[in-house]
Amino acid sequence: MSQDKKQDNNVIGIGHNQNTYSQEQYAKLINRLHRMLIYSQQEITRVERFLDQAFTKYPFSNPNQPKLKDFEIHEARQIGKATASKYYQNAEKDIAELEAKAKADNIDLDILVEREKERREEEELNK
């Protein structure tokens, strides 16, 4: 009887047609998605930095390249920063929803566990 109950708790339905996956498979999927969203946020931050470097009026901040025109620099920077900001906000919302879903399903997200461990170690050092 307890084996049947454990097996029922180990299966999760996903989607409209309720495909079933084990808790471990689902946890791996959620962890990977979480990691990808955080990685993509980091990459967008890099894009912002490169756009700011472009503001030096040289492509790739390389003074050996011909200078770009002022309007090209300003337009590219505004578009780049707006795109990065919009993406970051959407990713932040998706991350929050994913973390809430994982918490509701009792799934520990690897990055959050690592960050919590680092925070505790830092608190111990500061005491």
N, C-alpha and C. Protein backbone atom coordinates (compact mmCIF):
# COMPACT_ATOMS: atom_id res chain seq x y z
N MET A 1 0.82 -1.19 0.00
CA MET A 1 0.00 0.00 0.00
C MET A 1 0.87 1.26 0.00
N SER A 2 1.91 1.30 0.87
CA SER A 2 2.77 2.48 0.91
C SER A 2 3.55 2.63 -0.39
N GLN A 3 3.87 1.52 -1.06
CA GLN A 3 4.56 1.57 -2.34
C GLN A 3 3.69 2.25 -3.38
N ASP A 4 2.37 1.93 -3.40
CA ASP A 4 1.46 2.55 -4.36
C ASP A 4 1.35 4.05 -4.11
N LYS A 5 1.28 4.43 -2.84
CA LYS A 5 1.18 5.84 -2.51
C LYS A 5 2.45 6.59 -2.93
N LYS A 6 3.59 5.99 -2.68
CA LYS A 6 4.85 6.60 -3.07
C LYS A 6 4.91 6.76 -4.58
N GLN A 7 4.48 5.76 -5.31
CA GLN A 7 4.50 5.81 -6.77
C GLN A 7 3.55 6.91 -7.26
N ASP A 8 2.39 7.06 -6.64
CA ASP A 8 1.45 8.11 -7.03
C ASP A 8 2.05 9.50 -6.79
N ASN A 9 2.78 9.67 -5.70
CA ASN A 9 3.38 10.96 -5.39
C ASN A 9 4.58 11.25 -6.27
N ASN A 10 5.13 10.24 -6.89
CA ASN A 10 6.33 10.39 -7.69
C ASN A 10 6.01 10.77 -9.14
N VAL A 11 4.74 10.81 -9.53
CA VAL A 11 4.35 11.09 -10.91
C VAL A 11 3.69 12.45 -10.97
N ILE A 12 4.09 13.22 -11.97
CA ILE A 12 3.56 14.57 -12.15
C ILE A 12 2.97 14.67 -13.54
N GLY A 13 1.77 15.24 -13.66
CA GLY A 13 1.15 15.48 -14.97
C GLY A 13 1.50 16.87 -15.45
N ILE A 14 1.90 16.96 -16.73
CA ILE A 14 2.28 18.25 -17.31
C ILE A 14 1.48 18.44 -18.59
N GLY A 15 0.93 19.63 -18.77
CA GLY A 15 0.27 19.98 -20.02
C GLY A 15 -1.18 19.56 -20.08
N HIS A 16 -1.80 19.84 -21.22
CA HIS A 16 -3.22 19.55 -21.41
C HIS A 16 -3.50 18.05 -21.48
N ASN A 17 -2.61 17.31 -22.11
CA ASN A 17 -2.84 15.88 -22.24
C ASN A 17 -2.23 15.09 -21.08
N GLN A 18 -1.76 15.79 -20.08
CA GLN A 18 -1.26 15.19 -18.84
C GLN A 18 -0.22 14.09 -19.07
N ASN A 19 0.83 14.43 -19.81
CA ASN A 19 1.97 13.51 -19.90
C ASN A 19 2.55 13.37 -18.50
N THR A 20 2.93 12.17 -18.13
CA THR A 20 3.42 11.97 -16.78
C THR A 20 4.94 11.78 -16.79
N TYR A 21 5.58 12.37 -15.78
CA TYR A 21 7.02 12.29 -15.60
C TYR A 21 7.28 12.01 -14.13
N SER A 22 8.43 11.44 -13.86
CA SER A 22 8.77 11.19 -12.46
C SER A 22 9.17 12.52 -11.80
N GLN A 23 9.12 12.53 -10.50
CA GLN A 23 9.50 13.73 -9.74
C GLN A 23 10.94 14.12 -10.05
N GLU A 24 11.82 13.14 -10.21
CA GLU A 24 13.22 13.42 -10.49
C GLU A 24 13.39 14.05 -11.88
N GLN A 25 12.68 13.51 -12.88
CA GLN A 25 12.76 14.09 -14.22
C GLN A 25 12.23 15.52 -14.22
N TYR A 26 11.13 15.73 -13.53
CA TYR A 26 10.54 17.07 -13.44
C TYR A 26 11.49 18.03 -12.73
N ALA A 27 12.13 17.58 -11.67
CA ALA A 27 13.07 18.43 -10.95
C ALA A 27 14.25 18.80 -11.84
N LYS A 28 14.76 17.85 -12.63
CA LYS A 28 15.85 18.15 -13.55
C LYS A 28 15.41 19.18 -14.58
N LEU A 29 14.21 19.04 -15.10
CA LEU A 29 13.68 19.98 -16.09
C LEU A 29 13.56 21.38 -15.49
N ILE A 30 12.99 21.47 -14.31
CA ILE A 30 12.81 22.77 -13.66
C ILE A 30 14.15 23.40 -13.35
N ASN A 31 15.11 22.61 -12.86
CA ASN A 31 16.44 23.15 -12.57
C ASN A 31 17.12 23.67 -13.83
N ARG A 32 17.00 22.93 -14.91
CA ARG A 32 17.64 23.36 -16.16
C ARG A 32 17.00 24.64 -16.69
N LEU A 33 15.68 24.73 -16.64
CA LEU A 33 15.00 25.94 -17.09
C LEU A 33 15.40 27.12 -16.22
N HIS A 34 15.47 26.93 -14.92
CA HIS A 34 15.86 27.99 -14.01
C HIS A 34 17.27 28.47 -14.33
N ARG A 35 18.18 27.52 -14.52
CA ARG A 35 19.57 27.87 -14.84
C ARG A 35 19.66 28.63 -16.17
N MET A 36 18.87 28.21 -17.15
CA MET A 36 18.89 28.87 -18.46
C MET A 36 18.36 30.30 -18.36
N LEU A 37 17.32 30.52 -17.58
CA LEU A 37 16.78 31.87 -17.44
C LEU A 37 17.79 32.79 -16.76
N ILE A 38 18.45 32.30 -15.73
CA ILE A 38 19.45 33.12 -15.05
C ILE A 38 20.64 33.40 -15.97
N TYR A 39 21.06 32.39 -16.73
CA TYR A 39 22.16 32.58 -17.67
C TYR A 39 21.79 33.62 -18.73
N SER A 40 20.57 33.55 -19.23
CA SER A 40 20.16 34.50 -20.26
C SER A 40 20.11 35.93 -19.71
N GLN A 41 19.74 36.09 -18.44
CA GLN A 41 19.79 37.42 -17.83
C GLN A 41 21.23 37.94 -17.81
N GLN A 42 22.17 37.08 -17.48
CA GLN A 42 23.57 37.49 -17.45
C GLN A 42 24.04 37.92 -18.83
N GLU A 43 23.60 37.19 -19.84
CA GLU A 43 24.00 37.53 -21.21
C GLU A 43 23.41 38.87 -21.65
N ILE A 44 22.18 39.15 -21.25
CA ILE A 44 21.58 40.44 -21.58
C ILE A 44 22.36 41.57 -20.91
N THR A 45 22.84 41.33 -19.70
CA THR A 45 23.66 42.33 -19.03
C THR A 45 24.94 42.58 -19.82
N ARG A 46 25.51 41.52 -20.38
CA ARG A 46 26.69 41.69 -21.23
C ARG A 46 26.35 42.52 -22.46
N VAL A 47 25.17 42.29 -23.04
CA VAL A 47 24.75 43.05 -24.21
C VAL A 47 24.70 44.54 -23.86
N GLU A 48 24.14 44.87 -22.71
CA GLU A 48 24.09 46.26 -22.28
C GLU A 48 25.50 46.85 -22.18
N ARG A 49 26.41 46.08 -21.62
CA ARG A 49 27.79 46.57 -21.48
C ARG A 49 28.42 46.83 -22.83
N PHE A 50 28.20 45.91 -23.78
CA PHE A 50 28.77 46.11 -25.11
C PHE A 50 28.13 47.30 -25.82
N LEU A 51 26.85 47.52 -25.59
CA LEU A 51 26.22 48.70 -26.17
C LEU A 51 26.81 49.98 -25.59
N ASP A 52 27.10 49.94 -24.31
CA ASP A 52 27.74 51.11 -23.70
C ASP A 52 29.14 51.32 -24.26
N GLN A 53 29.84 50.23 -24.52
CA GLN A 53 31.17 50.37 -25.14
C GLN A 53 31.03 50.95 -26.54
N ALA A 54 29.96 50.58 -27.21
CA ALA A 54 29.73 51.13 -28.54
C ALA A 54 29.52 52.63 -28.47
N PHE A 55 29.11 53.10 -27.31
CA PHE A 55 28.89 54.53 -27.13
C PHE A 55 30.19 55.31 -27.24
N THR A 56 31.32 54.63 -27.22
CA THR A 56 32.61 55.29 -27.41
C THR A 56 32.78 55.73 -28.86
N LYS A 57 31.80 55.41 -29.67
CA LYS A 57 31.76 55.78 -31.09
C LYS A 57 32.64 54.90 -31.96
N TYR A 58 33.09 53.79 -31.42
CA TYR A 58 33.86 52.84 -32.21
C TYR A 58 33.19 51.48 -32.14
N PRO A 59 33.09 50.80 -33.28
CA PRO A 59 32.55 49.43 -33.21
C PRO A 59 33.44 48.56 -32.33
N PHE A 60 32.86 47.82 -31.45
CA PHE A 60 33.58 46.95 -30.52
C PHE A 60 34.59 47.71 -29.68
N SER A 61 34.38 49.00 -29.50
CA SER A 61 35.28 49.88 -28.74
C SER A 61 36.71 49.84 -29.26
N ASN A 62 36.84 49.60 -30.54
CA ASN A 62 38.16 49.49 -31.17
C ASN A 62 38.47 50.79 -31.91
N PRO A 63 39.44 51.57 -31.43
CA PRO A 63 39.75 52.84 -32.09
C PRO A 63 40.35 52.68 -33.49
N ASN A 64 40.73 51.47 -33.88
CA ASN A 64 41.25 51.25 -35.22
C ASN A 64 40.14 51.13 -36.26
N GLN A 65 38.90 51.01 -35.81
CA GLN A 65 37.75 50.95 -36.71
C GLN A 65 37.30 52.38 -37.02
N PRO A 66 36.64 52.56 -38.16
CA PRO A 66 36.11 53.91 -38.44
C PRO A 66 35.01 54.27 -37.45
N LYS A 67 34.97 55.54 -37.09
CA LYS A 67 33.97 56.00 -36.12
C LYS A 67 32.57 55.87 -36.70
N LEU A 68 31.64 55.56 -35.83
CA LEU A 68 30.24 55.55 -36.21
C LEU A 68 29.69 56.96 -36.08
N LYS A 69 28.61 57.22 -36.80
CA LYS A 69 27.96 58.53 -36.70
C LYS A 69 27.20 58.62 -35.39
N ASP A 70 27.06 59.85 -34.89
CA ASP A 70 26.41 60.05 -33.60
C ASP A 70 25.02 59.46 -33.54
N PHE A 71 24.21 59.69 -34.55
CA PHE A 71 22.84 59.19 -34.50
C PHE A 71 22.81 57.66 -34.49
N GLU A 72 23.77 57.00 -35.14
CA GLU A 72 23.82 55.54 -35.14
C GLU A 72 24.11 55.00 -33.72
N ILE A 73 25.02 55.69 -33.06
CA ILE A 73 25.38 55.29 -31.70
C ILE A 73 24.20 55.45 -30.76
N HIS A 74 23.55 56.60 -30.79
CA HIS A 74 22.44 56.87 -29.87
C HIS A 74 21.25 55.95 -30.12
N GLU A 75 20.94 55.72 -31.38
CA GLU A 75 19.81 54.83 -31.70
C GLU A 75 20.10 53.40 -31.25
N ALA A 76 21.30 52.92 -31.54
CA ALA A 76 21.66 51.55 -31.15
C ALA A 76 21.63 51.39 -29.64
N ARG A 77 22.14 52.38 -28.93
CA ARG A 77 22.18 52.29 -27.47
C ARG A 77 20.77 52.30 -26.90
N GLN A 78 19.91 53.17 -27.39
CA GLN A 78 18.54 53.24 -26.87
C GLN A 78 17.77 51.95 -27.15
N ILE A 79 17.90 51.44 -28.36
CA ILE A 79 17.21 50.19 -28.71
C ILE A 79 17.75 49.04 -27.88
N GLY A 80 19.07 48.97 -27.77
CA GLY A 80 19.69 47.89 -27.00
C GLY A 80 19.30 47.91 -25.53
N LYS A 81 19.33 49.08 -24.92
CA LYS A 81 18.98 49.18 -23.50
C LYS A 81 17.50 48.89 -23.27
N ALA A 82 16.64 49.35 -24.19
CA ALA A 82 15.21 49.08 -24.05
C ALA A 82 14.92 47.59 -24.19
N THR A 83 15.58 46.96 -25.15
CA THR A 83 15.39 45.53 -25.37
C THR A 83 15.89 44.73 -24.17
N ALA A 84 17.06 45.08 -23.67
CA ALA A 84 17.61 44.38 -22.51
C ALA A 84 16.72 44.57 -21.29
N SER A 85 16.23 45.77 -21.09
CA SER A 85 15.37 46.03 -19.93
C SER A 85 14.07 45.24 -20.02
N LYS A 86 13.47 45.23 -21.19
CA LYS A 86 12.21 44.48 -21.38
C LYS A 86 12.44 42.99 -21.15
N TYR A 87 13.51 42.46 -21.72
CA TYR A 87 13.80 41.05 -21.54
C TYR A 87 14.07 40.72 -20.07
N TYR A 88 14.84 41.56 -19.40
CA TYR A 88 15.17 41.31 -18.00
C TYR A 88 13.91 41.27 -17.14
N GLN A 89 12.99 42.19 -17.38
CA GLN A 89 11.74 42.22 -16.63
C GLN A 89 10.92 40.95 -16.87
N ASN A 90 10.83 40.52 -18.13
CA ASN A 90 10.10 39.30 -18.44
C ASN A 90 10.77 38.07 -17.81
N ALA A 91 12.09 38.02 -17.88
CA ALA A 91 12.81 36.89 -17.30
C ALA A 91 12.64 36.88 -15.78
N GLU A 92 12.66 38.05 -15.17
CA GLU A 92 12.49 38.13 -13.71
C GLU A 92 11.12 37.59 -13.31
N LYS A 93 10.10 37.92 -14.10
CA LYS A 93 8.75 37.42 -13.83
C LYS A 93 8.71 35.90 -14.01
N ASP A 94 9.33 35.40 -15.08
CA ASP A 94 9.35 33.96 -15.32
C ASP A 94 10.11 33.22 -14.22
N ILE A 95 11.21 33.79 -13.76
CA ILE A 95 12.00 33.17 -12.70
C ILE A 95 11.18 33.11 -11.41
N ALA A 96 10.48 34.19 -11.10
CA ALA A 96 9.66 34.22 -9.88
C ALA A 96 8.55 33.16 -9.96
N GLU A 97 7.90 33.04 -11.11
CA GLU A 97 6.85 32.04 -11.29
C GLU A 97 7.42 30.63 -11.18
N LEU A 98 8.58 30.42 -11.78
CA LEU A 98 9.23 29.11 -11.74
C LEU A 98 9.64 28.74 -10.32
N GLU A 99 10.19 29.71 -9.58
CA GLU A 99 10.57 29.45 -8.20
C GLU A 99 9.35 29.15 -7.34
N ALA A 100 8.25 29.85 -7.57
CA ALA A 100 7.02 29.58 -6.82
C ALA A 100 6.48 28.19 -7.14
N LYS A 101 6.51 27.80 -8.42
CA LYS A 101 6.04 26.48 -8.83
C LYS A 101 6.92 25.40 -8.21
N ALA A 102 8.22 25.60 -8.24
CA ALA A 102 9.15 24.62 -7.66
C ALA A 102 8.93 24.51 -6.15
N LYS A 103 8.70 25.62 -5.49
CA LYS A 103 8.46 25.59 -4.05
C LYS A 103 7.15 24.85 -3.75
N ALA A 104 6.12 25.08 -4.56
CA ALA A 104 4.84 24.40 -4.36
C ALA A 104 4.97 22.89 -4.57
N ASP A 105 5.87 22.48 -5.47
CA ASP A 105 6.08 21.06 -5.75
C ASP A 105 7.21 20.46 -4.92
N ASN A 106 7.71 21.22 -3.94
CA ASN A 106 8.79 20.77 -3.06
C ASN A 106 10.05 20.38 -3.83
N ILE A 107 10.42 21.20 -4.79
CA ILE A 107 11.64 20.98 -5.58
C ILE A 107 12.66 22.02 -5.17
N ASP A 108 13.85 21.57 -4.78
CA ASP A 108 14.93 22.48 -4.44
C ASP A 108 15.67 22.86 -5.72
N LEU A 109 15.74 24.16 -5.99
CA LEU A 109 16.47 24.64 -7.16
C LEU A 109 17.94 24.77 -6.80
N ASP A 110 18.79 24.17 -7.62
CA ASP A 110 20.22 24.09 -7.32
C ASP A 110 20.84 25.45 -7.04
N ILE A 111 20.56 26.43 -7.87
CA ILE A 111 21.17 27.75 -7.72
C ILE A 111 20.74 28.39 -6.41
N LEU A 112 19.48 28.26 -6.06
CA LEU A 112 19.01 28.85 -4.81
C LEU A 112 19.64 28.16 -3.60
N VAL A 113 19.82 26.86 -3.70
CA VAL A 113 20.47 26.12 -2.61
C VAL A 113 21.91 26.59 -2.47
N GLU A 114 22.61 26.75 -3.60
CA GLU A 114 24.00 27.22 -3.56
C GLU A 114 24.09 28.63 -2.99
N ARG A 115 23.19 29.50 -3.42
CA ARG A 115 23.20 30.89 -2.92
C ARG A 115 22.92 30.94 -1.42
N GLU A 116 21.98 30.14 -0.96
CA GLU A 116 21.66 30.09 0.46
C GLU A 116 22.86 29.59 1.27
N LYS A 117 23.54 28.59 0.74
CA LYS A 117 24.73 28.06 1.41
C LYS A 117 25.81 29.15 1.49
N GLU A 118 26.03 29.87 0.39
CA GLU A 118 27.03 30.94 0.38
C GLU A 118 26.65 32.05 1.35
N ARG A 119 25.35 32.38 1.41
CA ARG A 119 24.88 33.43 2.32
C ARG A 119 25.13 33.03 3.78
N ARG A 120 24.84 31.76 4.10
CA ARG A 120 25.07 31.28 5.47
C ARG A 120 26.55 31.32 5.82
N GLU A 121 27.40 30.89 4.88
CA GLU A 121 28.84 30.91 5.14
C GLU A 121 29.33 32.35 5.35
N GLU A 122 28.80 33.27 4.56
CA GLU A 122 29.18 34.67 4.69
C GLU A 122 28.73 35.22 6.04
N GLU A 123 27.53 34.86 6.48
CA GLU A 123 27.05 35.30 7.79
C GLU A 123 27.93 34.76 8.91
N GLU A 124 28.34 33.51 8.77
CA GLU A 124 29.23 32.92 9.79
C GLU A 124 30.56 33.65 9.85
N LEU A 125 31.08 34.06 8.70
CA LEU A 125 32.35 34.78 8.68
C LEU A 125 32.22 36.17 9.28
N ASN A 126 31.06 36.80 9.11
CA ASN A 126 30.84 38.15 9.59
C ASN A 126 30.53 38.21 11.08
N LYS A 127 30.24 37.08 11.70
CA LYS A 127 29.91 37.08 13.14
C LYS A 127 31.12 37.22 13.99
